[in-house]
Amino acid sequence: MQLKRVAVTGMGAVSPYGRGAGLLFDSMLSNKSGIRYHEELERFESIGPRVAGIVTGIDMMEIPRKRRRSMSPMSVYALLAAQEAATQAALSREKLADGRTGLIMGSTMGSVHAIEGFFRDYLADGKLDQVKSTLFFQVMGHSAASNVAQAMGINGRVLAPTAACATSCQAIGLAYEAVAFGRQDIVLCGGADEYHPLTTGTFDMLLAASASYNETPQRTPRPFDRDRDGTVCSEGAGVLVLESFESAEKRDVPVLAEVAGFSSVCDTGNIANPDPEPLYRCMLNALDDAGLKPGDVSYVNAHATATVQGDIAEAKAIALLAGDKVPVSSLKGHLGHTMAAAGVLESIACVDMLRREVLLPTLNLDNQDPQCGGISLPTSPGYGRISVIVKNNFALGGVNCSLVLRAAEN
């Protein structure tokens, strides 16, 4: 069966920098940090971190009340990102509703804020009198996907993967396969998450959250750095529009980049600590899917969250794949870890790196950890021709994903 080539024709983002895919990349290019001191964490004495990447400047009232009642902030972020991506891709309301356009949108889980609110009321007196009927639509695992589909009138294939940190990378991969196999002509894909202190608390319990830079939040997280002390949790949403090259040509819309390969493999060695071999195999499989070899790679966008085990395992895997000949960076130093949105927000930045021919370095990388040696980690932007990017997202639980992105002119 002849597979269709898959184009990126639209991008949308809501991030700790604010609203807009352009703002996302421009902020990163200017070495701006999206991490701030977060006062809400002060009410949790047992949690050490006091920093997070929080979305600001979003007016929930922009969404009509009919739609907003079933949405938590996560779904609002997802809808705003999807609308931006659809506008760039010139998708009309009719095209969104023609049955040949789908949506694949994931999140780590439903709204933790809504879940907390429910149990606060219920456990107080064991009654459900105060629970609003729309609450379920905020806490269900496919809340973001359902709310975006309803608001935008998308009645093709709708999927909602949930794989923690690898969620939106999986969403892009599943969308790529749906378009490549002709199951859908167009798919909006990505992920969203809203911040809750329990997210930071969970990483803190795992001894994987940054707590040493509370007074200097813009100095953390520090992927691959000798002085890193863990990840910083953030929130946001991102959406890519994927479609076949034939569809893009027929609709006369610009191709921003190509999704050329995808792989997802499971590391069954340990549910929490990654093994370099499955990570290496995941990247190699994605390149094979794209019909490419390690020598074709221009840049690797690492998942690296600034945890000791994760950074070291990924560095070893990348060294196996490409040695020190290919530049590598993580964008977590800029954004923190946006959880289910990480894969797509970082992929949006990768698309812009291909378009603008500039590689973003790892923010806060001052002293490379010797245990992360064997790979090339630039500390300043690099300018020049970029053809092929391998983009990684690796989740707790052993769910590993890699994408291959290629410059549009190829």
Protein backbone atom coordinates (compact mmCIF):
# COMPACT_ATOMS: atom_id res chain seq x y z
CA MET A 1 0.00 0.00 0.00
CA GLN A 2 1.32 3.39 -0.98
CA LEU A 3 1.40 5.71 2.03
CA LYS A 4 0.56 9.38 1.67
CA ARG A 5 3.13 12.00 2.65
CA VAL A 6 1.99 14.01 5.65
CA ALA A 7 2.31 17.78 5.86
CA VAL A 8 2.06 20.21 8.77
CA THR A 9 -0.14 23.11 7.64
CA GLY A 10 -1.18 24.79 10.89
CA MET A 11 0.09 25.38 14.43
CA GLY A 12 -1.46 26.82 17.58
CA ALA A 13 -0.15 27.22 21.12
CA VAL A 14 -1.02 28.38 24.61
CA SER A 15 2.05 28.25 26.83
CA PRO A 16 3.64 29.85 29.92
CA TYR A 17 4.73 32.61 27.51
CA GLY A 18 1.14 33.34 26.58
CA ARG A 19 -1.04 32.76 23.57
CA GLY A 20 0.32 32.05 20.11
CA ALA A 21 2.72 29.71 18.32
CA GLY A 22 4.78 32.66 17.09
CA LEU A 23 5.16 34.02 20.62
CA LEU A 24 6.28 30.58 21.78
CA PHE A 25 9.20 30.40 19.37
CA ASP A 26 10.21 34.05 19.58
CA SER A 27 10.36 33.81 23.38
CA MET A 28 12.56 30.74 23.20
CA LEU A 29 14.82 32.30 20.60
CA SER A 30 15.35 35.28 22.92
CA ASN A 31 16.32 32.89 25.77
CA LYS A 32 13.30 33.90 27.80
CA SER A 33 12.24 31.60 30.63
CA GLY A 34 8.58 30.75 31.18
CA ILE A 35 9.17 29.71 34.81
CA ARG A 36 8.02 31.87 37.73
CA TYR A 37 7.66 31.71 41.51
CA HIS A 38 4.19 30.26 42.13
CA GLU A 39 2.59 31.47 45.36
CA GLU A 40 -0.12 28.79 45.36
CA LEU A 41 2.54 26.23 46.29
CA GLU A 42 3.12 28.03 49.60
CA ARG A 43 0.00 26.42 51.08
CA PHE A 44 1.61 22.98 50.79
CA GLU A 45 4.25 22.82 53.52
CA SER A 46 5.28 19.28 52.59
CA ILE A 47 6.13 20.26 48.98
CA GLY A 48 9.60 21.71 48.50
CA PRO A 49 9.30 23.38 45.06
CA ARG A 50 7.81 26.85 44.70
CA VAL A 51 8.21 27.29 40.94
CA ALA A 52 6.04 26.47 37.92
CA GLY A 53 5.23 27.51 34.36
CA ILE A 54 1.76 29.06 34.52
CA VAL A 55 -0.39 30.32 31.63
CA THR A 56 -1.55 33.93 32.07
CA GLY A 57 -3.55 36.39 30.01
CA ILE A 58 -6.33 33.99 28.98
CA ASP A 59 -9.91 35.27 29.21
CA MET A 60 -12.18 32.29 29.87
CA MET A 61 -15.16 34.51 29.04
CA GLU A 62 -14.04 34.52 25.42
CA ILE A 63 -15.61 31.07 25.14
CA PRO A 64 -19.44 31.20 24.87
CA ARG A 65 -21.10 30.08 28.10
CA LYS A 66 -22.81 27.17 26.35
CA ARG A 67 -19.36 25.68 25.67
CA ARG A 68 -17.52 27.03 28.70
CA ARG A 69 -19.76 25.25 31.24
CA SER A 70 -18.22 21.87 30.37
CA MET A 71 -14.65 23.16 30.15
CA SER A 72 -11.87 23.40 32.69
CA PRO A 73 -8.89 25.66 31.83
CA MET A 74 -7.23 22.72 30.07
CA SER A 75 -10.03 22.49 27.51
CA VAL A 76 -10.02 26.25 27.03
CA TYR A 77 -6.29 26.17 26.29
CA ALA A 78 -6.85 23.30 23.86
CA LEU A 79 -9.66 25.08 22.04
CA LEU A 80 -7.73 28.34 21.67
CA ALA A 81 -4.71 26.46 20.31
CA ALA A 82 -6.90 24.46 17.92
CA GLN A 83 -8.60 27.60 16.64
CA GLU A 84 -5.24 29.24 15.96
CA ALA A 85 -3.98 26.16 14.12
CA ALA A 86 -7.17 25.86 12.08
CA THR A 87 -6.99 29.52 11.10
CA GLN A 88 -3.40 29.19 9.90
CA ALA A 89 -4.36 26.09 7.92
CA ALA A 90 -7.35 27.93 6.40
CA LEU A 91 -9.82 25.29 7.61
CA SER A 92 -13.39 26.42 7.18
CA ARG A 93 -16.24 25.34 9.45
CA GLU A 94 -17.55 23.25 6.57
CA LYS A 95 -14.21 21.48 6.12
CA LEU A 96 -13.97 20.73 9.83
CA ALA A 97 -17.41 19.10 9.66
CA ASP A 98 -17.04 17.10 6.43
CA GLY A 99 -16.23 13.82 8.18
CA ARG A 100 -12.78 13.63 6.59
CA THR A 101 -11.25 15.87 9.28
CA GLY A 102 -10.44 14.32 12.63
CA LEU A 103 -9.09 15.29 16.04
CA ILE A 104 -6.56 13.51 18.26
CA MET A 105 -6.12 15.41 21.52
CA GLY A 106 -4.77 13.98 24.77
CA SER A 107 -4.20 14.99 28.37
CA THR A 108 -2.61 13.35 31.39
CA MET A 109 -6.05 13.01 32.97
CA GLY A 110 -9.18 15.12 33.38
CA SER A 111 -9.19 18.37 35.34
CA VAL A 112 -7.56 17.83 38.74
CA HIS A 113 -9.08 21.13 39.91
CA ALA A 114 -12.57 19.81 39.12
CA ILE A 115 -11.83 16.47 40.78
CA GLU A 116 -10.55 18.24 43.91
CA GLY A 117 -13.64 20.44 44.00
CA PHE A 118 -15.95 17.46 43.73
CA PHE A 119 -14.35 15.55 46.60
CA ARG A 120 -14.07 18.63 48.78
CA ASP A 121 -17.85 19.06 48.57
CA TYR A 122 -18.75 15.37 48.65
CA LEU A 123 -16.52 14.35 51.55
CA ALA A 124 -17.79 17.23 53.67
CA ASP A 125 -21.28 15.76 54.06
CA GLY A 126 -21.51 12.77 51.70
CA LYS A 127 -24.07 14.55 49.52
CA LEU A 128 -24.10 15.44 45.84
CA ASP A 129 -26.47 18.38 46.11
CA GLN A 130 -23.83 20.95 45.20
CA VAL A 131 -22.31 19.02 42.27
CA LYS A 132 -23.04 20.61 38.91
CA SER A 133 -24.16 18.34 36.11
CA THR A 134 -21.41 19.65 33.82
CA LEU A 135 -18.65 18.53 36.21
CA PHE A 136 -18.32 15.11 34.61
CA PHE A 137 -17.43 16.67 31.28
CA GLN A 138 -14.49 18.42 32.94
CA VAL A 139 -13.10 15.37 34.73
CA MET A 140 -13.47 12.67 32.07
CA GLY A 141 -10.17 11.58 30.51
CA HIS A 142 -11.14 12.75 27.03
CA SER A 143 -12.45 16.11 28.21
CA ALA A 144 -10.15 18.24 26.04
CA ALA A 145 -10.80 16.17 22.91
CA SER A 146 -14.56 16.14 23.37
CA ASN A 147 -14.84 19.83 24.18
CA VAL A 148 -12.71 20.87 21.20
CA ALA A 149 -14.62 18.58 18.85
CA GLN A 150 -17.96 19.91 20.08
CA ALA A 151 -16.93 23.56 19.88
CA MET A 152 -15.39 23.28 16.41
CA GLY A 153 -17.89 20.87 14.89
CA ILE A 154 -15.34 18.14 14.12
CA ASN A 155 -17.29 14.96 13.42
CA GLY A 156 -14.61 12.75 11.89
CA ARG A 157 -12.36 10.43 13.90
CA VAL A 158 -11.80 11.67 17.49
CA LEU A 159 -9.22 9.97 19.73
CA ALA A 160 -7.83 10.90 23.15
CA PRO A 161 -4.52 9.17 24.00
CA THR A 162 -3.28 9.32 27.58
CA ALA A 163 0.40 8.52 28.10
CA ALA A 164 1.62 11.17 30.55
CA CYS A 165 4.67 12.97 29.15
CA ALA A 166 4.42 11.17 25.80
CA THR A 167 0.73 11.97 25.25
CA SER A 168 0.87 14.63 22.54
CA CYS A 169 3.82 13.00 20.80
CA GLN A 170 1.62 9.91 20.51
CA ALA A 171 -1.25 12.09 19.30
CA ILE A 172 0.91 13.49 16.50
CA GLY A 173 2.11 9.99 15.61
CA LEU A 174 -1.43 8.59 15.51
CA ALA A 175 -2.55 11.54 13.38
CA TYR A 176 0.38 10.98 11.03
CA GLU A 177 -0.61 7.34 10.60
CA ALA A 178 -4.30 8.18 10.08
CA VAL A 179 -3.41 10.59 7.27
CA ALA A 180 -0.66 8.41 5.79
CA PHE A 181 -3.07 5.46 5.53
CA GLY A 182 -5.87 7.63 4.12
CA ARG A 183 -8.20 7.15 7.07
CA GLN A 184 -8.59 10.94 7.34
CA ASP A 185 -7.56 13.73 4.99
CA ILE A 186 -6.84 16.17 7.82
CA VAL A 187 -6.28 15.70 11.56
CA LEU A 188 -5.88 18.33 14.26
CA CYS A 189 -3.63 16.79 16.91
CA GLY A 190 -1.89 17.69 20.14
CA GLY A 191 -2.31 17.77 23.89
CA ALA A 192 -3.23 19.94 26.83
CA ASP A 193 -2.78 20.07 30.59
CA GLU A 194 -3.66 22.49 33.35
CA TYR A 195 -1.40 23.01 36.33
CA HIS A 196 -2.30 21.80 39.80
CA PRO A 197 0.06 21.73 42.81
CA LEU A 198 -0.51 17.98 43.09
CA THR A 199 1.41 17.59 39.84
CA THR A 200 4.45 19.16 41.44
CA GLY A 201 3.75 17.19 44.60
CA THR A 202 3.80 13.91 42.69
CA PHE A 203 7.19 14.65 41.15
CA ASP A 204 8.42 15.83 44.55
CA MET A 205 7.45 12.48 46.10
CA LEU A 206 9.48 10.78 43.37
CA LEU A 207 12.45 13.04 44.25
CA ALA A 208 12.25 14.40 40.71
CA ALA A 209 11.08 18.00 41.21
CA SER A 210 13.30 21.07 41.28
CA ALA A 211 13.40 22.77 44.70
CA SER A 212 16.84 24.40 44.81
CA TYR A 213 16.04 27.46 42.71
CA ASN A 214 12.88 28.79 44.36
CA GLU A 215 14.48 32.21 44.76
CA THR A 216 15.83 32.24 41.20
CA PRO A 217 13.09 30.45 39.23
CA GLN A 218 14.41 31.38 35.80
CA ARG A 219 17.54 29.30 36.48
CA THR A 220 15.57 26.04 36.54
CA PRO A 221 15.02 23.44 35.20
CA ARG A 222 18.52 22.63 33.95
CA PRO A 223 18.48 19.69 31.50
CA PHE A 224 21.83 17.89 31.09
CA ASP A 225 23.46 20.30 33.55
CA ARG A 226 25.71 19.20 36.38
CA ASP A 227 23.67 21.24 38.87
CA ARG A 228 20.19 20.14 37.82
CA ASP A 229 17.84 19.03 40.60
CA GLY A 230 14.67 17.93 38.85
CA THR A 231 11.85 18.99 36.61
CA VAL A 232 9.56 22.03 36.84
CA CYS A 233 5.88 21.39 36.13
CA SER A 234 4.04 23.67 33.72
CA GLU A 235 0.80 23.90 31.77
CA GLY A 236 -0.44 24.75 28.30
CA ALA A 237 -1.76 23.30 25.05
CA GLY A 238 -0.60 22.89 21.49
CA VAL A 239 -2.15 21.76 18.23
CA LEU A 240 -0.75 20.83 14.83
CA VAL A 241 -2.82 20.44 11.68
CA LEU A 242 -1.64 17.42 9.69
CA GLU A 243 -2.89 16.61 6.21
CA SER A 244 -1.78 14.79 3.11
CA PHE A 245 0.35 16.68 0.65
CA GLU A 246 -2.41 16.13 -1.92
CA SER A 247 -4.94 17.78 0.39
CA ALA A 248 -2.64 20.74 1.07
CA GLU A 249 -2.02 21.21 -2.66
CA LYS A 250 -5.72 20.94 -3.47
CA ARG A 251 -6.56 23.52 -0.80
CA ASP A 252 -3.60 25.69 -1.84
CA VAL A 253 -2.18 26.07 1.68
CA PRO A 254 1.55 26.29 2.51
CA VAL A 255 3.33 23.23 3.86
CA LEU A 256 5.26 24.21 7.00
CA ALA A 257 7.07 20.89 7.47
CA GLU A 258 6.62 17.17 6.95
CA VAL A 259 5.99 14.47 9.55
CA ALA A 260 8.01 11.67 8.00
CA GLY A 261 8.20 8.97 10.68
CA PHE A 262 6.91 7.82 14.05
CA SER A 263 7.67 5.12 16.59
CA SER A 264 6.35 4.19 20.02
CA VAL A 265 7.91 1.39 22.07
CA CYS A 266 7.61 0.26 25.68
CA ASP A 267 10.45 -0.09 28.17
CA THR A 268 9.42 -2.98 30.42
CA GLY A 269 12.56 -2.97 32.55
CA ASN A 270 11.37 -0.49 35.17
CA ILE A 271 8.18 1.55 35.45
CA ALA A 272 10.07 4.66 36.64
CA ASN A 273 13.72 4.47 35.54
CA PRO A 274 14.44 4.52 31.79
CA ASP A 275 16.85 2.20 29.98
CA PRO A 276 18.91 3.67 27.09
CA GLU A 277 18.34 0.67 24.80
CA PRO A 278 14.55 1.09 24.29
CA LEU A 279 15.07 4.84 23.84
CA TYR A 280 17.66 4.17 21.15
CA ARG A 281 15.40 1.58 19.51
CA CYS A 282 12.51 4.04 19.48
CA MET A 283 14.54 6.68 17.60
CA LEU A 284 15.96 4.11 15.20
CA ASN A 285 12.48 2.75 14.44
CA ALA A 286 11.16 6.24 13.73
CA LEU A 287 14.01 6.87 11.30
CA ASP A 288 13.37 3.52 9.62
CA ASP A 289 9.70 4.45 9.30
CA ALA A 290 10.82 7.62 7.50
CA GLY A 291 13.19 5.69 5.24
CA LEU A 292 16.16 7.51 6.79
CA LYS A 293 19.37 6.62 8.62
CA PRO A 294 21.08 8.17 11.66
CA GLY A 295 23.51 9.94 9.33
CA ASP A 296 20.61 11.91 7.84
CA VAL A 297 19.71 13.58 11.15
CA SER A 298 20.41 17.32 11.52
CA TYR A 299 19.28 17.74 15.13
CA VAL A 300 17.76 15.79 18.04
CA ASN A 301 15.15 17.47 20.20
CA ALA A 302 15.53 15.65 23.52
CA HIS A 303 12.81 14.95 26.05
CA ALA A 304 15.32 15.63 28.88
CA THR A 305 13.39 16.94 31.89
CA ALA A 306 16.43 17.67 34.13
CA THR A 307 16.11 14.52 36.19
CA VAL A 308 19.30 12.57 36.81
CA GLN A 309 18.24 9.16 35.52
CA GLY A 310 16.21 10.48 32.58
CA ASP A 311 18.87 12.84 31.24
CA ILE A 312 21.65 10.27 31.51
CA ALA A 313 19.65 7.47 29.86
CA GLU A 314 18.58 9.69 26.97
CA ALA A 315 22.09 11.07 26.47
CA LYS A 316 23.41 7.50 26.23
CA ALA A 317 20.69 6.56 23.74
CA ILE A 318 21.38 9.59 21.55
CA ALA A 319 25.11 8.87 21.70
CA LEU A 320 24.38 5.36 20.39
CA LEU A 321 22.31 6.85 17.57
CA ALA A 322 24.43 9.80 16.47
CA GLY A 323 27.47 10.17 18.68
CA ASP A 324 28.64 13.76 19.13
CA LYS A 325 28.17 14.73 15.48
CA VAL A 326 24.58 15.96 15.76
CA PRO A 327 23.46 18.91 17.95
CA VAL A 328 21.06 18.06 20.76
CA SER A 329 18.97 20.24 23.04
CA SER A 330 16.01 20.12 25.40
CA LEU A 331 13.40 22.87 25.52
CA LYS A 332 12.36 22.07 29.09
CA GLY A 333 14.84 24.71 30.30
CA HIS A 334 12.65 27.32 28.58
CA LEU A 335 9.17 25.96 29.27
CA GLY A 336 9.46 23.53 32.13
CA HIS A 337 7.54 20.30 31.64
CA THR A 338 4.10 21.00 30.18
CA MET A 339 3.15 17.34 30.65
CA ALA A 340 0.67 16.16 28.00
CA ALA A 341 1.32 19.34 26.00
CA ALA A 342 5.11 18.90 26.00
CA GLY A 343 5.40 16.85 22.82
CA VAL A 344 3.32 19.16 20.68
CA LEU A 345 4.64 22.49 22.03
CA GLU A 346 8.19 21.26 21.47
CA SER A 347 7.21 19.96 18.01
CA ILE A 348 5.86 23.41 17.12
CA ALA A 349 9.26 24.84 18.05
CA CYS A 350 10.94 22.15 15.93
CA VAL A 351 8.81 23.08 12.91
CA ASP A 352 9.91 26.70 13.33
CA MET A 353 13.53 25.61 13.66
CA LEU A 354 13.20 23.89 10.28
CA ARG A 355 11.51 26.93 8.75
CA ARG A 356 13.83 29.58 10.18
CA GLU A 357 17.00 27.47 9.96
CA VAL A 358 17.99 28.07 13.57
CA LEU A 359 18.58 25.57 16.37
CA LEU A 360 17.54 26.45 19.90
CA PRO A 361 20.01 25.54 22.67
CA THR A 362 19.20 24.18 26.13
CA LEU A 363 18.45 27.07 28.46
CA ASN A 364 20.31 26.96 31.82
CA LEU A 365 22.93 24.52 30.55
CA ASP A 366 26.05 26.05 32.09
CA ASN A 367 28.10 22.96 32.93
CA GLN A 368 27.40 19.73 31.06
CA ASP A 369 27.14 16.73 33.35
CA PRO A 370 30.00 14.35 32.44
CA GLN A 371 27.51 11.49 32.72
CA CYS A 372 25.61 13.13 29.86
CA GLY A 373 28.73 13.17 27.70
CA GLY A 374 29.15 11.69 24.25
CA ILE A 375 26.63 14.05 22.66
CA SER A 376 26.86 17.60 21.31
CA LEU A 377 24.99 20.11 23.51
CA PRO A 378 25.25 23.64 22.09
CA THR A 379 24.74 26.54 24.50
CA SER A 380 23.88 29.21 21.94
CA PRO A 381 21.59 29.28 18.89
CA GLY A 382 23.00 27.66 15.75
CA TYR A 383 22.16 28.98 12.31
CA GLY A 384 22.22 27.04 9.07
CA ARG A 385 20.48 24.44 6.98
CA ILE A 386 18.35 21.91 8.91
CA SER A 387 16.80 18.99 7.05
CA VAL A 388 15.76 16.28 9.52
CA ILE A 389 14.81 16.44 13.21
CA VAL A 390 14.30 13.52 15.58
CA LYS A 391 11.94 14.60 18.36
CA ASN A 392 11.67 12.53 21.56
CA ASN A 393 9.14 12.25 24.37
CA PHE A 394 9.55 9.54 26.98
CA ALA A 395 6.96 8.94 29.70
CA LEU A 396 6.95 7.42 33.16
CA GLY A 397 5.58 3.92 32.77
CA GLY A 398 8.00 3.14 29.96
CA VAL A 399 5.99 4.65 27.09
CA ASN A 400 8.52 6.05 24.64
CA CYS A 401 7.78 8.01 21.46
CA SER A 402 9.88 9.53 18.69
CA LEU A 403 8.88 11.59 15.65
CA VAL A 404 10.85 12.43 12.52
CA LEU A 405 10.20 15.93 11.17
CA ARG A 406 11.54 17.00 7.80
CA ALA A 407 11.92 20.38 6.14
CA ALA A 408 9.04 21.18 3.81
CA GLU A 409 11.08 21.53 0.62
CA ASN A 410 12.17 17.90 0.87
